[in-house]
């Protein structure tokens, strides 16, 4: 039912985890996909190869989303190759421990720069192209932490809360320009980022007790909602925060 043939997507943090799942699922729906990654060239190339096996064109670009100039360079490269950008998924992010009173300013700033400023940078660079096309879909990846807070990860929660407020704000600005902006807020998802915590048996039991579904999600279970928000099936969805968390946080 979802056919995104002839569309072009750019997915940040697309070399692994949720971002990789999103990139591949978009390709399965017919989209040509560029991924922006930070360090893991081998994984990025593997995702591009998967996209190519789906008979779509893939492109891997290395860059840091917190650097505005690097964002602009990468977006210009995508437009040069594909002539357009229809879908932007702001997925790049970090989740690092930080106890208030002990957290350094550097720790705080690093998380804010990547998670929140990086989302702004990519949107600010891509939106002019989407306005010219009079069409675009932007999906920002936030977190349940941005809705309820998260002890010992206040910098992360603040960054994701900022992404949520930013999403709602620009959604109202851009919808009359033919650009839809929405957000997906995952709960616990089985990725490399959270596995060190999840492998601790005591912590795992606490996590599973907090999820009515009784299990943590998989990357594809975030990619599906992103695909929906990237398609015409979500035409009447504007500025929405779609919670994908197995029932652990019930707020929209």
C-alpha atoms as a PDB file:
ATOM      1  CA  UNK A   1       0.000   0.000   0.000  1.00  0.00           C
ATOM      2  CA  UNK A   2       2.831   2.423   0.765  1.00  0.00           C
ATOM      3  CA  UNK A   3       4.645   3.274  -2.442  1.00  0.00           C
ATOM      4  CA  UNK A   4       7.392   5.898  -2.233  1.00  0.00           C
ATOM      5  CA  UNK A   5       8.791   5.321  -5.713  1.00  0.00           C
ATOM      6  CA  UNK A   6      10.797   8.240  -7.097  1.00  0.00           C
ATOM      7  CA  UNK A   7      11.208   9.756  -3.640  1.00  0.00           C
ATOM      8  CA  UNK A   8      14.593  10.587  -2.117  1.00  0.00           C
ATOM      9  CA  UNK A   9      15.286  10.251   1.596  1.00  0.00           C
ATOM     10  CA  UNK A  10      18.131  11.371   3.832  1.00  0.00           C
ATOM     11  CA  UNK A  11      18.518   9.528   7.138  1.00  0.00           C
ATOM     12  CA  UNK A  12      20.988  10.749   9.762  1.00  0.00           C
ATOM     13  CA  UNK A  13      22.618   8.147  11.974  1.00  0.00           C
ATOM     14  CA  UNK A  14      21.783   5.698   9.216  1.00  0.00           C
ATOM     15  CA  UNK A  15      24.638   3.222   9.502  1.00  0.00           C
ATOM     16  CA  UNK A  16      23.248   1.120  12.367  1.00  0.00           C
ATOM     17  CA  UNK A  17      20.374   0.521  14.750  1.00  0.00           C
ATOM     18  CA  UNK A  18      17.166   2.464  14.226  1.00  0.00           C
ATOM     19  CA  UNK A  19      18.616   4.603  11.443  1.00  0.00           C
ATOM     20  CA  UNK A  20      19.742   1.589   9.426  1.00  0.00           C
ATOM     21  CA  UNK A  21      16.330  -0.062   9.824  1.00  0.00           C
ATOM     22  CA  UNK A  22      14.634   3.137   8.640  1.00  0.00           C
ATOM     23  CA  UNK A  23      16.924   3.435   5.614  1.00  0.00           C
ATOM     24  CA  UNK A  24      16.294  -0.144   4.514  1.00  0.00           C
ATOM     25  CA  UNK A  25      12.526   0.043   5.056  1.00  0.00           C
ATOM     26  CA  UNK A  26      12.299   3.260   3.051  1.00  0.00           C
ATOM     27  CA  UNK A  27      14.246   1.560   0.262  1.00  0.00           C
ATOM     28  CA  UNK A  28      11.831  -1.384   0.343  1.00  0.00           C
ATOM     29  CA  UNK A  29       9.035   1.141  -0.231  1.00  0.00           C
ATOM     30  CA  UNK A  30      10.804   2.406  -3.350  1.00  0.00           C
ATOM     31  CA  UNK A  31      12.851   5.302  -2.014  1.00  0.00           C
ATOM     32  CA  UNK A  32      16.407   6.166  -2.987  1.00  0.00           C
ATOM     33  CA  UNK A  33      18.238   6.687   0.298  1.00  0.00           C
ATOM     34  CA  UNK A  34      21.247   8.670   1.451  1.00  0.00           C
ATOM     35  CA  UNK A  35      22.550   7.999   4.930  1.00  0.00           C
ATOM     36  CA  UNK A  36      24.649  10.304   7.053  1.00  0.00           C
ATOM     37  CA  UNK A  37      26.980   8.583   9.502  1.00  0.00           C
ATOM     38  CA  UNK A  38      29.699   9.594  11.942  1.00  0.00           C
ATOM     39  CA  UNK A  39      32.410   6.915  12.135  1.00  0.00           C
ATOM     40  CA  UNK A  40      31.503   3.400  11.023  1.00  0.00           C
ATOM     41  CA  UNK A  41      32.261   3.399   7.294  1.00  0.00           C
ATOM     42  CA  UNK A  42      32.069  -0.388   7.065  1.00  0.00           C
ATOM     43  CA  UNK A  43      28.523  -0.480   8.465  1.00  0.00           C
ATOM     44  CA  UNK A  44      27.477   2.479   6.319  1.00  0.00           C
ATOM     45  CA  UNK A  45      28.700   0.739   3.167  1.00  0.00           C
ATOM     46  CA  UNK A  46      26.874  -2.421   4.207  1.00  0.00           C
ATOM     47  CA  UNK A  47      23.589  -0.504   4.460  1.00  0.00           C
ATOM     48  CA  UNK A  48      24.176   1.099   1.069  1.00  0.00           C
ATOM     49  CA  UNK A  49      24.747  -2.369  -0.400  1.00  0.00           C
ATOM     50  CA  UNK A  50      21.459  -3.548   1.112  1.00  0.00           C
ATOM     51  CA  UNK A  51      19.704  -0.573  -0.487  1.00  0.00           C
ATOM     52  CA  UNK A  52      21.271  -1.405  -3.850  1.00  0.00           C
ATOM     53  CA  UNK A  53      20.105  -5.030  -3.575  1.00  0.00           C
ATOM     54  CA  UNK A  54      16.586  -3.625  -3.308  1.00  0.00           C
ATOM     55  CA  UNK A  55      17.162  -1.980  -6.709  1.00  0.00           C
ATOM     56  CA  UNK A  56      17.323   1.481  -5.206  1.00  0.00           C
ATOM     57  CA  UNK A  57      20.195   3.964  -5.227  1.00  0.00           C
ATOM     58  CA  UNK A  58      22.085   4.394  -1.967  1.00  0.00           C
ATOM     59  CA  UNK A  59      24.619   6.981  -0.853  1.00  0.00           C
ATOM     60  CA  UNK A  60      26.730   7.106   2.322  1.00  0.00           C
ATOM     61  CA  UNK A  61      28.011  10.452   3.576  1.00  0.00           C
ATOM     62  CA  UNK A  62      30.294  10.927   6.549  1.00  0.00           C
ATOM     63  CA  UNK A  63      29.676  13.959   8.738  1.00  0.00           C
ATOM     64  CA  UNK A  64      28.776  15.322  12.155  1.00  0.00           C
ATOM     65  CA  UNK A  65      25.275  16.740  12.508  1.00  0.00           C
ATOM     66  CA  UNK A  66      26.365  19.206  15.181  1.00  0.00           C
ATOM     67  CA  UNK A  67      28.553  20.934  12.587  1.00  0.00           C
ATOM     68  CA  UNK A  68      26.348  23.187  10.445  1.00  0.00           C
ATOM     69  CA  UNK A  69      28.829  23.387   7.583  1.00  0.00           C
ATOM     70  CA  UNK A  70      29.126  19.603   7.405  1.00  0.00           C
ATOM     71  CA  UNK A  71      25.335  19.327   7.312  1.00  0.00           C
ATOM     72  CA  UNK A  72      25.192  21.781   4.436  1.00  0.00           C
ATOM     73  CA  UNK A  73      27.931  19.929   2.554  1.00  0.00           C
ATOM     74  CA  UNK A  74      26.100  16.603   2.919  1.00  0.00           C
ATOM     75  CA  UNK A  75      22.720  18.009   1.897  1.00  0.00           C
ATOM     76  CA  UNK A  76      24.268  19.713  -1.127  1.00  0.00           C
ATOM     77  CA  UNK A  77      25.846  16.372  -2.093  1.00  0.00           C
ATOM     78  CA  UNK A  78      22.464  14.625  -1.910  1.00  0.00           C
ATOM     79  CA  UNK A  79      20.773  17.302  -4.010  1.00  0.00           C
ATOM     80  CA  UNK A  80      23.606  17.197  -6.537  1.00  0.00           C
ATOM     81  CA  UNK A  81      23.226  13.430  -6.962  1.00  0.00           C
ATOM     82  CA  UNK A  82      19.444  13.031  -6.734  1.00  0.00           C
ATOM     83  CA  UNK A  83      18.227  16.551  -7.684  1.00  0.00           C
ATOM     84  CA  UNK A  84      15.873  16.629  -4.688  1.00  0.00           C
ATOM     85  CA  UNK A  85      15.232  15.619  -1.065  1.00  0.00           C
ATOM     86  CA  UNK A  86      11.697  14.508  -0.237  1.00  0.00           C
ATOM     87  CA  UNK A  87      12.145  12.891   3.176  1.00  0.00           C
ATOM     88  CA  UNK A  88      14.444  13.863   6.044  1.00  0.00           C
ATOM     89  CA  UNK A  89      14.716  11.604   9.075  1.00  0.00           C
ATOM     90  CA  UNK A  90      16.656  13.146  11.963  1.00  0.00           C
ATOM     91  CA  UNK A  91      17.743  10.035  13.816  1.00  0.00           C
ATOM     92  CA  UNK A  92      21.361  10.755  14.818  1.00  0.00           C
ATOM     93  CA  UNK A  93      21.746  10.901  18.581  1.00  0.00           C
ATOM     94  CA  UNK A  94      23.625   9.792  21.667  1.00  0.00           C
ATOM     95  CA  UNK A  95      22.539   8.525  25.091  1.00  0.00           C
ATOM     96  CA  UNK A  96      25.202   8.829  27.776  1.00  0.00           C
ATOM     97  CA  UNK A  97      25.068   8.670  31.567  1.00  0.00           C
ATOM     98  CA  UNK A  98      25.219  11.995  33.372  1.00  0.00           C
ATOM     99  CA  UNK A  99      24.496  12.526  37.076  1.00  0.00           C
ATOM    100  CA  UNK A 100      23.450  16.056  37.938  1.00  0.00           C
ATOM    101  CA  UNK A 101      26.022  17.696  40.228  1.00  0.00           C
ATOM    102  CA  UNK A 102      28.749  15.591  38.636  1.00  0.00           C
ATOM    103  CA  UNK A 103      28.019  16.101  34.965  1.00  0.00           C
ATOM    104  CA  UNK A 104      30.562  18.286  33.192  1.00  0.00           C
ATOM    105  CA  UNK A 105      29.598  21.142  30.928  1.00  0.00           C
ATOM    106  CA  UNK A 106      31.303  19.239  28.110  1.00  0.00           C
ATOM    107  CA  UNK A 107      29.021  16.224  28.665  1.00  0.00           C
ATOM    108  CA  UNK A 108      25.933  18.427  28.661  1.00  0.00           C
ATOM    109  CA  UNK A 109      26.958  20.346  25.561  1.00  0.00           C
ATOM    110  CA  UNK A 110      27.907  17.244  23.592  1.00  0.00           C
ATOM    111  CA  UNK A 111      24.444  15.720  24.004  1.00  0.00           C
ATOM    112  CA  UNK A 112      22.606  18.970  23.282  1.00  0.00           C
ATOM    113  CA  UNK A 113      24.782  19.648  20.226  1.00  0.00           C
ATOM    114  CA  UNK A 114      24.235  16.251  18.628  1.00  0.00           C
ATOM    115  CA  UNK A 115      20.632  15.510  19.609  1.00  0.00           C
ATOM    116  CA  UNK A 116      19.016  18.942  19.439  1.00  0.00           C
ATOM    117  CA  UNK A 117      21.287  21.292  17.514  1.00  0.00           C
ATOM    118  CA  UNK A 118      21.940  18.545  14.976  1.00  0.00           C
ATOM    119  CA  UNK A 119      18.204  18.249  14.340  1.00  0.00           C
ATOM    120  CA  UNK A 120      17.955  22.013  13.871  1.00  0.00           C
ATOM    121  CA  UNK A 121      20.968  22.068  11.550  1.00  0.00           C
ATOM    122  CA  UNK A 122      19.594  19.413   9.226  1.00  0.00           C
ATOM    123  CA  UNK A 123      16.114  20.948   9.109  1.00  0.00           C
ATOM    124  CA  UNK A 124      17.469  24.436   8.523  1.00  0.00           C
ATOM    125  CA  UNK A 125      19.562  23.251   5.579  1.00  0.00           C
ATOM    126  CA  UNK A 126      16.967  20.943   4.006  1.00  0.00           C
ATOM    127  CA  UNK A 127      13.842  23.118   4.324  1.00  0.00           C
ATOM    128  CA  UNK A 128      14.805  25.619   1.554  1.00  0.00           C
ATOM    129  CA  UNK A 129      15.040  22.731  -0.932  1.00  0.00           C
ATOM    130  CA  UNK A 130      11.695  21.334   0.211  1.00  0.00           C
ATOM    131  CA  UNK A 131      10.082  24.757  -0.115  1.00  0.00           C
ATOM    132  CA  UNK A 132      11.261  24.992  -3.715  1.00  0.00           C
ATOM    133  CA  UNK A 133       9.732  21.561  -4.379  1.00  0.00           C
ATOM    134  CA  UNK A 134       6.579  22.553  -2.452  1.00  0.00           C
ATOM    135  CA  UNK A 135       6.802  19.140  -0.839  1.00  0.00           C
ATOM    136  CA  UNK A 136       8.634  17.459   2.007  1.00  0.00           C
ATOM    137  CA  UNK A 137       8.364  15.078   4.927  1.00  0.00           C
ATOM    138  CA  UNK A 138      10.457  15.558   8.041  1.00  0.00           C
ATOM    139  CA  UNK A 139      10.416  12.939  10.796  1.00  0.00           C
ATOM    140  CA  UNK A 140      12.372  13.697  13.954  1.00  0.00           C
ATOM    141  CA  UNK A 141      13.290  10.897  16.358  1.00  0.00           C
ATOM    142  CA  UNK A 142      12.786  11.914  19.980  1.00  0.00           C
ATOM    143  CA  UNK A 143      12.297   9.649  23.021  1.00  0.00           C
ATOM    144  CA  UNK A 144       9.964   8.907  25.891  1.00  0.00           C
ATOM    145  CA  UNK A 145      12.669  10.574  28.004  1.00  0.00           C
ATOM    146  CA  UNK A 146      11.745  13.853  26.345  1.00  0.00           C
ATOM    147  CA  UNK A 147       8.194  13.472  27.647  1.00  0.00           C
ATOM    148  CA  UNK A 148       8.641  12.207  31.186  1.00  0.00           C
ATOM    149  CA  UNK A 149      12.291  12.989  31.962  1.00  0.00           C
ATOM    150  CA  UNK A 150      14.911  10.418  32.867  1.00  0.00           C
ATOM    151  CA  UNK A 151      16.995  10.352  36.042  1.00  0.00           C
ATOM    152  CA  UNK A 152      20.761  10.326  35.433  1.00  0.00           C
ATOM    153  CA  UNK A 153      20.150  11.264  31.798  1.00  0.00           C
ATOM    154  CA  UNK A 154      18.798  14.789  32.242  1.00  0.00           C
ATOM    155  CA  UNK A 155      20.875  16.135  29.364  1.00  0.00           C
ATOM    156  CA  UNK A 156      19.433  13.484  27.061  1.00  0.00           C
ATOM    157  CA  UNK A 157      15.880  14.112  28.269  1.00  0.00           C
ATOM    158  CA  UNK A 158      16.325  17.859  27.807  1.00  0.00           C
ATOM    159  CA  UNK A 159      17.631  17.391  24.274  1.00  0.00           C
ATOM    160  CA  UNK A 160      14.733  15.136  23.284  1.00  0.00           C
ATOM    161  CA  UNK A 161      12.183  17.402  24.961  1.00  0.00           C
ATOM    162  CA  UNK A 162      13.649  20.159  22.837  1.00  0.00           C
ATOM    163  CA  UNK A 163      13.239  18.040  19.707  1.00  0.00           C
ATOM    164  CA  UNK A 164       9.555  17.551  20.568  1.00  0.00           C
ATOM    165  CA  UNK A 165       8.911  21.276  21.054  1.00  0.00           C
ATOM    166  CA  UNK A 166      10.925  22.086  17.931  1.00  0.00           C
ATOM    167  CA  UNK A 167       8.883  19.575  15.910  1.00  0.00           C
ATOM    168  CA  UNK A 168       5.557  21.094  16.966  1.00  0.00           C
ATOM    169  CA  UNK A 169       6.789  24.613  16.277  1.00  0.00           C
ATOM    170  CA  UNK A 170       8.107  24.129  12.769  1.00  0.00           C
ATOM    171  CA  UNK A 171       5.238  21.815  11.814  1.00  0.00           C
ATOM    172  CA  UNK A 172       2.864  24.772  12.044  1.00  0.00           C
ATOM    173  CA  UNK A 173       5.290  26.981  10.094  1.00  0.00           C
ATOM    174  CA  UNK A 174       5.825  24.554   7.250  1.00  0.00           C
ATOM    175  CA  UNK A 175       2.579  22.725   6.546  1.00  0.00           C
ATOM    176  CA  UNK A 176       1.275  25.554   4.331  1.00  0.00           C
ATOM    177  CA  UNK A 177       4.465  25.166   2.287  1.00  0.00           C
ATOM    178  CA  UNK A 178       3.640  21.522   1.610  1.00  0.00           C
ATOM    179  CA  UNK A 179       6.065  20.202   4.229  1.00  0.00           C
ATOM    180  CA  UNK A 180       4.841  17.780   6.892  1.00  0.00           C
ATOM    181  CA  UNK A 181       6.814  17.615  10.157  1.00  0.00           C
ATOM    182  CA  UNK A 182       6.186  14.921  12.746  1.00  0.00           C
ATOM    183  CA  UNK A 183       8.051  13.027  15.431  1.00  0.00           C
ATOM    184  CA  UNK A 184       8.454   9.447  16.619  1.00  0.00           C
ATOM    185  CA  UNK A 185       9.241   8.964  20.306  1.00  0.00           C
ATOM    186  CA  UNK A 186      10.649   5.470  20.949  1.00  0.00           C
ATOM    187  CA  UNK A 187      10.855   3.784  24.305  1.00  0.00           C
ATOM    188  CA  UNK A 188      13.379   1.011  24.949  1.00  0.00           C
ATOM    189  CA  UNK A 189      14.631  -0.357  21.620  1.00  0.00           C
ATOM    190  CA  UNK A 190      17.153  -3.151  21.145  1.00  0.00           C
ATOM    191  CA  UNK A 191      20.152  -1.301  19.709  1.00  0.00           C
ATOM    192  CA  UNK A 192      23.886  -1.148  20.366  1.00  0.00           C
ATOM    193  CA  UNK A 193      23.338   2.087  22.289  1.00  0.00           C
ATOM    194  CA  UNK A 194      21.240   0.505  25.050  1.00  0.00           C
ATOM    195  CA  UNK A 195      22.522  -3.079  25.095  1.00  0.00           C
ATOM    196  CA  UNK A 196      25.179  -2.465  27.801  1.00  0.00           C
ATOM    197  CA  UNK A 197      22.346  -1.526  30.184  1.00  0.00           C
ATOM    198  CA  UNK A 198      19.967  -4.206  28.948  1.00  0.00           C
ATOM    199  CA  UNK A 199      22.520  -6.972  29.410  1.00  0.00           C
ATOM    200  CA  UNK A 200      22.530  -6.289  33.159  1.00  0.00           C
ATOM    201  CA  UNK A 201      19.972  -8.824  34.443  1.00  0.00           C
ATOM    202  CA  UNK A 202      18.710  -6.603  37.286  1.00  0.00           C
ATOM    203  CA  UNK A 203      18.261  -3.589  35.007  1.00  0.00           C
ATOM    204  CA  UNK A 204      16.657  -5.757  32.337  1.00  0.00           C
ATOM    205  CA  UNK A 205      13.995  -6.960  34.766  1.00  0.00           C
ATOM    206  CA  UNK A 206      13.249  -3.372  35.792  1.00  0.00           C
ATOM    207  CA  UNK A 207      12.966  -2.309  32.157  1.00  0.00           C
ATOM    208  CA  UNK A 208      10.626  -5.153  31.229  1.00  0.00           C
ATOM    209  CA  UNK A 209       8.433  -4.507  34.281  1.00  0.00           C
ATOM    210  CA  UNK A 210       7.953  -0.938  33.071  1.00  0.00           C
ATOM    211  CA  UNK A 211       6.643  -2.039  29.641  1.00  0.00           C
ATOM    212  CA  UNK A 212       3.075  -3.388  29.537  1.00  0.00           C
ATOM    213  CA  UNK A 213       3.872  -5.258  26.330  1.00  0.00           C
ATOM    214  CA  UNK A 214       6.554  -7.126  28.261  1.00  0.00           C
ATOM    215  CA  UNK A 215       9.416  -6.736  25.786  1.00  0.00           C
ATOM    216  CA  UNK A 216      11.598  -4.031  24.334  1.00  0.00           C
ATOM    217  CA  UNK A 217      11.054  -3.000  20.753  1.00  0.00           C
ATOM    218  CA  UNK A 218      13.125  -3.760  17.672  1.00  0.00           C
ATOM    219  CA  UNK A 219      14.522  -1.168  15.235  1.00  0.00           C
ATOM    220  CA  UNK A 220      12.028  -2.224  12.543  1.00  0.00           C
ATOM    221  CA  UNK A 221       9.228  -1.344  14.957  1.00  0.00           C
ATOM    222  CA  UNK A 222      10.403   2.267  14.812  1.00  0.00           C
ATOM    223  CA  UNK A 223      11.056   2.157  11.071  1.00  0.00           C
ATOM    224  CA  UNK A 224       7.412   1.227  10.426  1.00  0.00           C
ATOM    225  CA  UNK A 225       5.960   4.363  12.044  1.00  0.00           C
ATOM    226  CA  UNK A 226       8.584   6.481  10.255  1.00  0.00           C
ATOM    227  CA  UNK A 227       7.502   4.942   6.953  1.00  0.00           C
ATOM    228  CA  UNK A 228       3.877   5.775   7.770  1.00  0.00           C
ATOM    229  CA  UNK A 229       4.745   9.405   8.533  1.00  0.00           C
ATOM    230  CA  UNK A 230       6.743   9.577   5.297  1.00  0.00           C
ATOM    231  CA  UNK A 231       3.748   8.501   3.236  1.00  0.00           C
ATOM    232  CA  UNK A 232       0.436   9.968   2.088  1.00  0.00           C
ATOM    233  CA  UNK A 233      -1.360   7.780   4.649  1.00  0.00           C
ATOM    234  CA  UNK A 234      -0.390  10.416   7.233  1.00  0.00           C
ATOM    235  CA  UNK A 235      -1.548  13.457   5.249  1.00  0.00           C
ATOM    236  CA  UNK A 236      -3.735  14.688   8.114  1.00  0.00           C
ATOM    237  CA  UNK A 237      -1.036  14.175  10.737  1.00  0.00           C
ATOM    238  CA  UNK A 238       0.835  17.406  11.494  1.00  0.00           C
ATOM    239  CA  UNK A 239       3.122  18.110  14.441  1.00  0.00           C
ATOM    240  CA  UNK A 240       2.310  14.773  16.066  1.00  0.00           C
ATOM    241  CA  UNK A 241       4.468  12.927  18.599  1.00  0.00           C
ATOM    242  CA  UNK A 242       3.906   9.260  17.822  1.00  0.00           C
ATOM    243  CA  UNK A 243       4.770   7.170  20.855  1.00  0.00           C
ATOM    244  CA  UNK A 244       6.231   3.750  20.111  1.00  0.00           C
ATOM    245  CA  UNK A 245       7.053   2.256  23.486  1.00  0.00           C
ATOM    246  CA  UNK A 246       4.958  -0.844  24.206  1.00  0.00           C
ATOM    247  CA  UNK A 247       2.633   1.127  26.471  1.00  0.00           C
ATOM    248  CA  UNK A 248       5.263   2.370  28.929  1.00  0.00           C
ATOM    249  CA  UNK A 249       4.437   6.064  28.496  1.00  0.00           C
ATOM    250  CA  UNK A 250       0.870   6.936  27.559  1.00  0.00           C
ATOM    251  CA  UNK A 251       0.950  10.505  26.331  1.00  0.00           C
ATOM    252  CA  UNK A 252       0.577  11.893  22.833  1.00  0.00           C
END
